[in-house]
Amino acid sequence: MDIKKAYRKAALRHHPDKAGNFIVRSENINDALWREIGSEIRKDADYLFKLIGKAYAILSDTTMIVGVKVTPTGS
């Protein structure tokens, strides 16, 4: 898989603005708890998003990859 394509897919999946969209809100839980849950989800998503960005920066910079043989896939 192409590094850029994999990066975009992971970045979209873990983007902080989209975090928490998959959670179904229950009527039995109060608003304060939902805000706390949402805050934690966004914090985790922000961490993952930054980590994905750093990984992409390292993998896309050929001067930083030492001793790794990269071969074209022909795609």
PDB file of N, CA and C in Angstrom:
ATOM      1  N   MET A   1       0.847  -1.177   0.000  1.00  0.00           N
ATOM      2  CA  MET A   1       0.000   0.000   0.000  1.00  0.00           C
ATOM      3  C   MET A   1       0.889   1.236   0.000  1.00  0.00           C
ATOM      4  N   ASP A   2       0.516   2.197  -0.739  1.00  0.00           N
ATOM      5  CA  ASP A   2       1.242   3.445  -0.832  1.00  0.00           C
ATOM      6  C   ASP A   2       1.220   4.158   0.528  1.00  0.00           C
ATOM      7  N   ILE A   3       2.346   4.741   0.913  1.00  0.00           N
ATOM      8  CA  ILE A   3       2.463   5.408   2.217  1.00  0.00           C
ATOM      9  C   ILE A   3       1.470   6.565   2.320  1.00  0.00           C
ATOM     10  N   LYS A   4       1.359   7.352   1.264  1.00  0.00           N
ATOM     11  CA  LYS A   4       0.460   8.504   1.291  1.00  0.00           C
ATOM     12  C   LYS A   4      -0.999   8.067   1.419  1.00  0.00           C
ATOM     13  N   LYS A   5      -1.354   7.007   0.711  1.00  0.00           N
ATOM     14  CA  LYS A   5      -2.724   6.501   0.762  1.00  0.00           C
ATOM     15  C   LYS A   5      -3.045   5.957   2.157  1.00  0.00           C
ATOM     16  N   ALA A   6      -2.109   5.222   2.735  1.00  0.00           N
ATOM     17  CA  ALA A   6      -2.311   4.677   4.077  1.00  0.00           C
ATOM     18  C   ALA A   6      -2.390   5.799   5.110  1.00  0.00           C
ATOM     19  N   TYR A   7      -1.563   6.833   4.928  1.00  0.00           N
ATOM     20  CA  TYR A   7      -1.583   7.984   5.836  1.00  0.00           C
ATOM     21  C   TYR A   7      -2.939   8.679   5.787  1.00  0.00           C
ATOM     22  N   ARG A   8      -3.422   8.948   4.598  1.00  0.00           N
ATOM     23  CA  ARG A   8      -4.707   9.639   4.472  1.00  0.00           C
ATOM     24  C   ARG A   8      -5.844   8.840   5.099  1.00  0.00           C
ATOM     25  N   LYS A   9      -5.827   7.540   4.879  1.00  0.00           N
ATOM     26  CA  LYS A   9      -6.875   6.685   5.432  1.00  0.00           C
ATOM     27  C   LYS A   9      -6.838   6.716   6.962  1.00  0.00           C
ATOM     28  N   ALA A  10      -5.643   6.581   7.538  1.00  0.00           N
ATOM     29  CA  ALA A  10      -5.502   6.603   8.997  1.00  0.00           C
ATOM     30  C   ALA A  10      -5.818   7.987   9.560  1.00  0.00           C
ATOM     31  N   ALA A  11      -5.382   9.035   8.863  1.00  0.00           N
ATOM     32  CA  ALA A  11      -5.630  10.399   9.343  1.00  0.00           C
ATOM     33  C   ALA A  11      -7.125  10.716   9.346  1.00  0.00           C
ATOM     34  N   LEU A  12      -7.829  10.296   8.338  1.00  0.00           N
ATOM     35  CA  LEU A  12      -9.274  10.524   8.300  1.00  0.00           C
ATOM     36  C   LEU A  12      -9.986   9.727   9.387  1.00  0.00           C
ATOM     37  N   ARG A  13      -9.549   8.517   9.620  1.00  0.00           N
ATOM     38  CA  ARG A  13     -10.174   7.663  10.620  1.00  0.00           C
ATOM     39  C   ARG A  13      -9.970   8.213  12.029  1.00  0.00           C
ATOM     40  N   HIS A  14      -8.821   8.821  12.293  1.00  0.00           N
ATOM     41  CA  HIS A  14      -8.493   9.267  13.644  1.00  0.00           C
ATOM     42  C   HIS A  14      -8.461  10.783  13.785  1.00  0.00           C
ATOM     43  N   HIS A  15      -9.117  11.502  12.897  1.00  0.00           N
ATOM     44  CA  HIS A  15      -9.123  12.965  12.966  1.00  0.00           C
ATOM     45  C   HIS A  15      -9.919  13.410  14.202  1.00  0.00           C
ATOM     46  N   PRO A  16      -9.369  14.337  14.980  1.00  0.00           N
ATOM     47  CA  PRO A  16     -10.055  14.776  16.210  1.00  0.00           C
ATOM     48  C   PRO A  16     -11.449  15.355  15.976  1.00  0.00           C
ATOM     49  N   ASP A  17     -11.678  15.993  14.846  1.00  0.00           N
ATOM     50  CA  ASP A  17     -13.000  16.555  14.571  1.00  0.00           C
ATOM     51  C   ASP A  17     -14.051  15.478  14.302  1.00  0.00           C
ATOM     52  N   LYS A  18     -13.603  14.309  13.881  1.00  0.00           N
ATOM     53  CA  LYS A  18     -14.536  13.222  13.588  1.00  0.00           C
ATOM     54  C   LYS A  18     -14.627  12.211  14.724  1.00  0.00           C
ATOM     55  N   ALA A  19     -13.824  12.401  15.748  1.00  0.00           N
ATOM     56  CA  ALA A  19     -13.799  11.460  16.866  1.00  0.00           C
ATOM     57  C   ALA A  19     -15.137  11.473  17.598  1.00  0.00           C
ATOM     58  N   GLY A  20     -15.584  10.314  17.950  1.00  0.00           N
ATOM     59  CA  GLY A  20     -16.823  10.192  18.710  1.00  0.00           C
ATOM     60  C   GLY A  20     -18.071  10.101  17.872  1.00  0.00           C
ATOM     61  N   ASN A  21     -17.952  10.181  16.561  1.00  0.00           N
ATOM     62  CA  ASN A  21     -19.130  10.095  15.699  1.00  0.00           C
ATOM     63  C   ASN A  21     -19.752   8.705  15.705  1.00  0.00           C
ATOM     64  N   PHE A  22     -18.989   7.715  16.110  1.00  0.00           N
ATOM     65  CA  PHE A  22     -19.476   6.341  16.072  1.00  0.00           C
ATOM     66  C   PHE A  22     -20.182   5.934  17.360  1.00  0.00           C
ATOM     67  N   ILE A  23     -20.159   6.781  18.373  1.00  0.00           N
ATOM     68  CA  ILE A  23     -20.771   6.432  19.660  1.00  0.00           C
ATOM     69  C   ILE A  23     -22.243   6.803  19.641  1.00  0.00           C
ATOM     70  N   VAL A  24     -23.068   5.874  20.069  1.00  0.00           N
ATOM     71  CA  VAL A  24     -24.502   6.114  20.159  1.00  0.00           C
ATOM     72  C   VAL A  24     -24.799   6.620  21.563  1.00  0.00           C
ATOM     73  N   ARG A  25     -25.399   7.775  21.630  1.00  0.00           N
ATOM     74  CA  ARG A  25     -25.678   8.389  22.926  1.00  0.00           C
ATOM     75  C   ARG A  25     -26.875   7.731  23.593  1.00  0.00           C
ATOM     76  N   SER A  26     -26.699   7.400  24.855  1.00  0.00           N
ATOM     77  CA  SER A  26     -27.762   6.776  25.635  1.00  0.00           C
ATOM     78  C   SER A  26     -28.521   7.844  26.408  1.00  0.00           C
ATOM     79  N   GLU A  27     -29.806   7.662  26.542  1.00  0.00           N
ATOM     80  CA  GLU A  27     -30.636   8.621  27.290  1.00  0.00           C
ATOM     81  C   GLU A  27     -30.421   8.486  28.794  1.00  0.00           C
ATOM     82  N   ASN A  28     -29.830   7.379  29.229  1.00  0.00           N
ATOM     83  CA  ASN A  28     -29.673   7.122  30.654  1.00  0.00           C
ATOM     84  C   ASN A  28     -28.435   7.779  31.255  1.00  0.00           C
ATOM     85  N   ILE A  29     -27.600   8.398  30.448  1.00  0.00           N
ATOM     86  CA  ILE A  29     -26.371   9.013  30.935  1.00  0.00           C
ATOM     87  C   ILE A  29     -26.514  10.531  30.842  1.00  0.00           C
ATOM     88  N   ASN A  30     -26.124  11.220  31.919  1.00  0.00           N
ATOM     89  CA  ASN A  30     -26.307  12.677  31.949  1.00  0.00           C
ATOM     90  C   ASN A  30     -25.305  13.397  31.042  1.00  0.00           C
ATOM     91  N   ASP A  31     -25.588  14.672  30.790  1.00  0.00           N
ATOM     92  CA  ASP A  31     -24.786  15.468  29.861  1.00  0.00           C
ATOM     93  C   ASP A  31     -23.351  15.664  30.320  1.00  0.00           C
ATOM     94  N   ALA A  32     -23.137  15.810  31.605  1.00  0.00           N
ATOM     95  CA  ALA A  32     -21.780  16.014  32.127  1.00  0.00           C
ATOM     96  C   ALA A  32     -20.899  14.816  31.811  1.00  0.00           C
ATOM     97  N   LEU A  33     -21.431  13.629  31.961  1.00  0.00           N
ATOM     98  CA  LEU A  33     -20.662  12.421  31.658  1.00  0.00           C
ATOM     99  C   LEU A  33     -20.372  12.332  30.168  1.00  0.00           C
ATOM    100  N   TRP A  34     -21.351  12.696  29.318  1.00  0.00           N
ATOM    101  CA  TRP A  34     -21.128  12.673  27.870  1.00  0.00           C
ATOM    102  C   TRP A  34     -20.049  13.662  27.453  1.00  0.00           C
ATOM    103  N   ARG A  35     -20.022  14.842  28.102  1.00  0.00           N
ATOM    104  CA  ARG A  35     -18.968  15.812  27.799  1.00  0.00           C
ATOM    105  C   ARG A  35     -17.601  15.266  28.189  1.00  0.00           C
ATOM    106  N   GLU A  36     -17.541  14.585  29.331  1.00  0.00           N
ATOM    107  CA  GLU A  36     -16.278  13.989  29.781  1.00  0.00           C
ATOM    108  C   GLU A  36     -15.824  12.884  28.821  1.00  0.00           C
ATOM    109  N   ILE A  37     -16.755  12.051  28.409  1.00  0.00           N
ATOM    110  CA  ILE A  37     -16.438  10.974  27.467  1.00  0.00           C
ATOM    111  C   ILE A  37     -15.963  11.567  26.141  1.00  0.00           C
ATOM    112  N   GLY A  38     -16.667  12.573  25.650  1.00  0.00           N
ATOM    113  CA  GLY A  38     -16.284  13.224  24.399  1.00  0.00           C
ATOM    114  C   GLY A  38     -14.917  13.863  24.486  1.00  0.00           C
ATOM    115  N   SER A  39     -14.624  14.478  25.610  1.00  0.00           N
ATOM    116  CA  SER A  39     -13.320  15.105  25.810  1.00  0.00           C
ATOM    117  C   SER A  39     -12.200  14.072  25.767  1.00  0.00           C
ATOM    118  N   GLU A  40     -12.401  12.946  26.428  1.00  0.00           N
ATOM    119  CA  GLU A  40     -11.389  11.877  26.427  1.00  0.00           C
ATOM    120  C   GLU A  40     -11.200  11.287  25.032  1.00  0.00           C
ATOM    121  N   ILE A  41     -12.289  11.112  24.315  1.00  0.00           N
ATOM    122  CA  ILE A  41     -12.199  10.565  22.955  1.00  0.00           C
ATOM    123  C   ILE A  41     -11.432  11.520  22.048  1.00  0.00           C
ATOM    124  N   ARG A  42     -11.725  12.813  22.137  1.00  0.00           N
ATOM    125  CA  ARG A  42     -11.016  13.791  21.307  1.00  0.00           C
ATOM    126  C   ARG A  42      -9.541  13.876  21.677  1.00  0.00           C
ATOM    127  N   LYS A  43      -9.240  13.760  22.972  1.00  0.00           N
ATOM    128  CA  LYS A  43      -7.854  13.799  23.418  1.00  0.00           C
ATOM    129  C   LYS A  43      -7.076  12.599  22.854  1.00  0.00           C
ATOM    130  N   ASP A  44      -7.692  11.419  22.915  1.00  0.00           N
ATOM    131  CA  ASP A  44      -7.048  10.221  22.364  1.00  0.00           C
ATOM    132  C   ASP A  44      -6.895  10.330  20.850  1.00  0.00           C
ATOM    133  N   ALA A  45      -7.926  10.836  20.187  1.00  0.00           N
ATOM    134  CA  ALA A  45      -7.872  10.981  18.732  1.00  0.00           C
ATOM    135  C   ALA A  45      -6.811  12.005  18.337  1.00  0.00           C
ATOM    136  N   ASP A  46      -6.676  13.078  19.110  1.00  0.00           N
ATOM    137  CA  ASP A  46      -5.669  14.085  18.825  1.00  0.00           C
ATOM    138  C   ASP A  46      -4.269  13.483  18.941  1.00  0.00           C
ATOM    139  N   TYR A  47      -4.057  12.678  19.979  1.00  0.00           N
ATOM    140  CA  TYR A  47      -2.761  12.009  20.165  1.00  0.00           C
ATOM    141  C   TYR A  47      -2.462  11.082  18.981  1.00  0.00           C
ATOM    142  N   LEU A  48      -3.434  10.259  18.592  1.00  0.00           N
ATOM    143  CA  LEU A  48      -3.241   9.343  17.470  1.00  0.00           C
ATOM    144  C   LEU A  48      -3.004  10.106  16.166  1.00  0.00           C
ATOM    145  N   PHE A  49      -3.740  11.183  15.962  1.00  0.00           N
ATOM    146  CA  PHE A  49      -3.593  11.981  14.749  1.00  0.00           C
ATOM    147  C   PHE A  49      -2.185  12.555  14.647  1.00  0.00           C
ATOM    148  N   LYS A  50      -1.665  13.074  15.752  1.00  0.00           N
ATOM    149  CA  LYS A  50      -0.307  13.613  15.760  1.00  0.00           C
ATOM    150  C   LYS A  50       0.728  12.513  15.549  1.00  0.00           C
ATOM    151  N   LEU A  51       0.501  11.346  16.146  1.00  0.00           N
ATOM    152  CA  LEU A  51       1.405  10.212  15.985  1.00  0.00           C
ATOM    153  C   LEU A  51       1.432   9.736  14.533  1.00  0.00           C
ATOM    154  N   ILE A  52       0.273   9.699  13.903  1.00  0.00           N
ATOM    155  CA  ILE A  52       0.176   9.311  12.498  1.00  0.00           C
ATOM    156  C   ILE A  52       0.916  10.323  11.625  1.00  0.00           C
ATOM    157  N   GLY A  53       0.784  11.598  11.947  1.00  0.00           N
ATOM    158  CA  GLY A  53       1.483  12.647  11.202  1.00  0.00           C
ATOM    159  C   GLY A  53       2.996  12.521  11.317  1.00  0.00           C
ATOM    160  N   LYS A  54       3.486  12.223  12.521  1.00  0.00           N
ATOM    161  CA  LYS A  54       4.922  12.038  12.718  1.00  0.00           C
ATOM    162  C   LYS A  54       5.427  10.819  11.949  1.00  0.00           C
ATOM    163  N   ALA A  55       4.656   9.741  11.996  1.00  0.00           N
ATOM    164  CA  ALA A  55       5.048   8.528  11.274  1.00  0.00           C
ATOM    165  C   ALA A  55       5.105   8.792   9.775  1.00  0.00           C
ATOM    166  N   TYR A  56       4.134   9.524   9.257  1.00  0.00           N
ATOM    167  CA  TYR A  56       4.128   9.849   7.836  1.00  0.00           C
ATOM    168  C   TYR A  56       5.338  10.707   7.469  1.00  0.00           C
ATOM    169  N   ALA A  57       5.653  11.672   8.322  1.00  0.00           N
ATOM    170  CA  ALA A  57       6.803  12.540   8.055  1.00  0.00           C
ATOM    171  C   ALA A  57       8.093  11.733   7.989  1.00  0.00           C
ATOM    172  N   ILE A  58       8.236  10.777   8.872  1.00  0.00           N
ATOM    173  CA  ILE A  58       9.440   9.938   8.882  1.00  0.00           C
ATOM    174  C   ILE A  58       9.476   9.016   7.670  1.00  0.00           C
ATOM    175  N   LEU A  59       8.354   8.360   7.396  1.00  0.00           N
ATOM    176  CA  LEU A  59       8.325   7.395   6.296  1.00  0.00           C
ATOM    177  C   LEU A  59       8.398   8.055   4.918  1.00  0.00           C
ATOM    178  N   SER A  60       7.906   9.269   4.803  1.00  0.00           N
ATOM    179  CA  SER A  60       7.935   9.915   3.492  1.00  0.00           C
ATOM    180  C   SER A  60       9.251  10.632   3.222  1.00  0.00           C
ATOM    181  N   ASP A  61      10.080  10.816   4.244  1.00  0.00           N
ATOM    182  CA  ASP A  61      11.381  11.456   4.071  1.00  0.00           C
ATOM    183  C   ASP A  61      12.429  10.371   3.850  1.00  0.00           C
ATOM    184  N   THR A  62      12.878  10.236   2.622  1.00  0.00           N
ATOM    185  CA  THR A  62      13.807   9.149   2.289  1.00  0.00           C
ATOM    186  C   THR A  62      15.163   9.313   2.951  1.00  0.00           C
ATOM    187  N   THR A  63      15.516  10.523   3.366  1.00  0.00           N
ATOM    188  CA  THR A  63      16.810  10.710   4.035  1.00  0.00           C
ATOM    189  C   THR A  63      16.790  10.170   5.464  1.00  0.00           C
ATOM    190  N   MET A  64      15.583  10.018   6.042  1.00  0.00           N
ATOM    191  CA  MET A  64      15.482   9.516   7.409  1.00  0.00           C
ATOM    192  C   MET A  64      15.460   7.992   7.461  1.00  0.00           C
ATOM    193  N   ILE A  65      15.136   7.355   6.356  1.00  0.00           N
ATOM    194  CA  ILE A  65      15.082   5.898   6.314  1.00  0.00           C
ATOM    195  C   ILE A  65      16.473   5.398   5.951  1.00  0.00           C
ATOM    196  N   VAL A  66      17.108   4.745   6.900  1.00  0.00           N
ATOM    197  CA  VAL A  66      18.467   4.256   6.705  1.00  0.00           C
ATOM    198  C   VAL A  66      18.438   2.731   6.701  1.00  0.00           C
ATOM    199  N   GLY A  67      19.006   2.146   5.686  1.00  0.00           N
ATOM    200  CA  GLY A  67      19.117   0.693   5.618  1.00  0.00           C
ATOM    201  C   GLY A  67      17.846  -0.023   5.205  1.00  0.00           C
ATOM    202  N   VAL A  68      16.860   0.703   4.718  1.00  0.00           N
ATOM    203  CA  VAL A  68      15.617   0.087   4.271  1.00  0.00           C
ATOM    204  C   VAL A  68      15.593   0.121   2.763  1.00  0.00           C
ATOM    205  N   LYS A  69      15.457  -1.044   2.162  1.00  0.00           N
ATOM    206  CA  LYS A  69      15.413  -1.118   0.713  1.00  0.00           C
ATOM    207  C   LYS A  69      13.972  -0.900   0.252  1.00  0.00           C
ATOM    208  N   VAL A  70      13.750   0.135  -0.538  1.00  0.00           N
ATOM    209  CA  VAL A  70      12.423   0.448  -1.042  1.00  0.00           C
ATOM    210  C   VAL A  70      12.393   0.072  -2.511  1.00  0.00           C
ATOM    211  N   THR A  71      11.460  -0.792  -2.872  1.00  0.00           N
ATOM    212  CA  THR A  71      11.326  -1.205  -4.258  1.00  0.00           C
ATOM    213  C   THR A  71       9.978  -0.774  -4.786  1.00  0.00           C
ATOM    214  N   PRO A  72       9.921  -0.317  -6.027  1.00  0.00           N
ATOM    215  CA  PRO A  72       8.636   0.079  -6.591  1.00  0.00           C
ATOM    216  C   PRO A  72       7.744  -1.133  -6.800  1.00  0.00           C
ATOM    217  N   THR A  73       6.447  -0.930  -6.602  1.00  0.00           N
ATOM    218  CA  THR A  73       5.489  -2.030  -6.746  1.00  0.00           C
ATOM    219  C   THR A  73       4.940  -2.134  -8.149  1.00  0.00           C
ATOM    220  N   GLY A  74       5.140  -1.107  -8.946  1.00  0.00           N
ATOM    221  CA  GLY A  74       4.647  -1.132 -10.314  1.00  0.00           C
ATOM    222  C   GLY A  74       3.198  -0.729 -10.442  1.00  0.00           C
ATOM    223  N   SER A  75       2.583  -0.266  -9.348  1.00  0.00           N
ATOM    224  CA  SER A  75       1.170   0.148  -9.377  1.00  0.00           C
ATOM    225  C   SER A  75       1.033   1.545  -9.857  1.00  0.00           C
TER     226      SER A  75
END
